Protein backbone atom coordinates (compact mmCIF):
# COMPACT_ATOMS: atom_id res chain seq x y z
CA MET A 1 -15.78 18.89 6.63
CA LYS A 2 -13.96 17.00 3.98
CA GLN A 3 -10.57 18.69 4.32
CA SER A 4 -10.44 18.32 8.11
CA ARG A 5 -11.26 14.60 7.75
CA ARG A 6 -8.35 14.20 5.38
CA TYR A 7 -6.08 15.91 7.88
CA ALA A 8 -7.46 13.65 10.64
CA GLN A 9 -6.61 10.54 8.62
CA LEU A 10 -3.18 11.93 7.80
CA PHE A 11 -2.62 12.77 11.46
CA LYS A 12 -3.58 9.26 12.51
CA THR A 13 -1.18 7.73 9.98
CA GLN A 14 1.63 10.08 10.97
CA THR A 15 1.06 9.31 14.65
CA LEU A 16 1.40 5.60 13.95
CA LEU A 17 4.65 6.24 12.08
CA LYS A 18 5.90 8.32 14.99
CA GLU A 19 5.07 5.54 17.46
CA ARG A 20 6.93 3.04 15.28
CA GLU A 21 9.97 5.31 15.29
CA GLU A 22 9.75 5.60 19.09
CA LEU A 23 9.72 1.81 19.40
CA GLN A 24 12.70 1.46 17.09
CA LEU A 25 14.58 4.09 19.08
CA THR A 26 13.82 2.26 22.33
CA GLN A 27 15.09 -0.97 20.81
CA ALA A 28 18.28 0.69 19.58
CA ARG A 29 18.89 2.22 23.02
CA ARG A 30 18.48 -1.21 24.60
CA GLU A 31 20.99 -2.60 22.13
CA LEU A 32 23.40 0.20 23.03
CA ALA A 33 22.95 -0.51 26.74
CA ALA A 34 23.67 -4.21 26.14
CA LEU A 35 26.86 -3.32 24.28
CA GLU A 36 27.94 -1.02 27.11
CA GLU A 37 27.29 -3.80 29.60
CA GLU A 38 29.36 -6.18 27.48
CA THR A 39 32.20 -3.64 27.40
CA ARG A 40 32.15 -3.33 31.19
CA TYR A 41 32.18 -7.12 31.52
CA LEU A 42 35.10 -7.46 29.11
CA PHE A 43 37.09 -4.85 31.05
CA TRP A 44 36.31 -6.73 34.24
CA LEU A 45 37.55 -9.95 32.60
CA MET A 46 40.74 -8.18 31.52
CA GLN A 47 41.36 -7.00 35.07
CA LYS A 48 40.62 -10.43 36.47
CA GLY A 49 42.72 -12.01 33.71
CA ALA A 50 45.75 -10.17 35.02
CA THR A 51 45.59 -12.40 38.10
CA THR A 52 44.73 -15.60 36.22
CA ASP A 53 46.30 -16.92 33.04
CA PHE A 54 43.36 -18.81 31.53
CA ILE A 55 41.92 -15.78 29.66
CA ASP A 56 43.69 -14.77 26.47
CA PRO A 57 44.21 -10.96 26.58
CA LEU A 58 44.48 -10.78 22.78
CA LEU A 59 41.06 -12.41 22.42
CA LEU A 60 39.58 -9.95 24.90
CA ALA A 61 41.21 -7.01 23.12
CA ARG A 62 39.73 -8.12 19.78
CA ARG A 63 36.30 -8.54 21.32
CA LEU A 64 36.55 -5.11 22.93
CA GLU A 65 37.43 -3.57 19.57
CA ARG A 66 34.45 -5.26 17.88
CA THR A 67 32.18 -4.13 20.68
CA ARG A 68 33.52 -0.57 20.40
CA GLN A 69 32.83 -0.56 16.65
CA ALA A 70 29.34 -1.94 17.21
CA GLN A 71 28.71 0.72 19.86
CA ALA A 72 29.78 3.46 17.46
CA ALA A 73 27.47 2.10 14.76
CA VAL A 74 24.51 1.79 17.13
CA GLN A 75 25.16 5.26 18.56
CA ALA A 76 25.11 6.71 15.04
CA LYS A 77 21.86 4.82 14.42
CA VAL A 78 20.37 6.22 17.65
CA ASP A 79 21.38 9.76 16.69
CA THR A 80 19.74 9.35 13.27
CA MET A 81 16.61 7.90 14.86
CA ILE A 82 16.36 10.79 17.30
CA GLN A 83 16.53 13.25 14.41
CA SER A 84 13.90 11.27 12.52
CA LEU A 85 11.66 11.13 15.59
CA LEU A 86 11.92 14.89 16.06
CA GLN A 87 10.92 15.40 12.42
CA ALA A 88 7.96 13.02 12.81
CA THR A 89 6.87 14.88 15.94
CA ARG A 90 7.04 18.20 14.12
CA ARG A 91 5.04 16.76 11.20
CA CYS A 92 2.34 15.61 13.64
CA GLU A 93 2.19 19.06 15.18
CA MET A 94 1.93 20.73 11.77
CA ILE A 95 -0.81 18.36 10.61
CA ALA A 96 -2.78 18.90 13.83
CA GLU A 97 -2.45 22.66 13.37
CA LYS A 98 -3.65 22.44 9.76
CA GLN A 99 -6.52 20.19 10.84
CA ARG A 100 -7.65 22.74 13.43
CA ALA A 101 -7.44 25.53 10.85
CA ALA A 102 -9.40 23.50 8.29
CA ARG A 103 -12.06 22.63 10.86
CA ALA A 104 -12.39 26.29 11.87
CA GLN A 105 -12.65 27.34 8.23
CA GLU A 106 -15.31 24.69 7.56
CA GLU A 107 -17.30 25.74 10.63
CA HIS A 108 -17.03 29.37 9.55
CA LYS A 109 -18.29 28.49 6.07
CA GLU A 110 -21.10 26.40 7.51
CA MET A 111 -22.14 29.28 9.78
CA ALA A 112 -22.02 31.72 6.85
CA ASP A 113 -24.21 29.39 4.79
CA MET A 114 -26.71 29.10 7.64
CA MET A 115 -26.82 32.87 8.04
CA GLU A 116 -27.28 33.33 4.30
CA GLU A 117 -30.12 30.82 4.30
CA PHE A 118 -31.72 32.55 7.29
CA VAL A 119 -31.48 35.96 5.62
CA THR A 120 -32.89 34.55 2.39
CA ARG A 121 -35.88 33.03 4.20
CA THR A 122 -36.60 36.14 6.25
CA VAL A 123 -36.39 38.48 3.26
CA LEU A 124 -38.64 36.39 1.07
């Protein structure tokens, strides 16, 4: 059962990598949500600033632009992470499938060896 053990270790490692990618994706989504919240707040300040003169509209416009750029960068990062997570999930599925096949092959070989030994003992 050597080959199936190797696949089991590989599966365990790949599962850990997949979990790490899931955590990173969650963190990136939180960052994106924070940026969206900041954008909403800045728009609210711009609307409120129309009634009061103590908020510089140029400053708010610059901050909105920076936030928009950061959102675009984080969204691209999230898209890349989703693709990477899908690939990691597929790798886990493939390794699990190969592990099952290797285990079945090893059990088949073990059964064939037992039958051969039984036949050898009964014939002699």
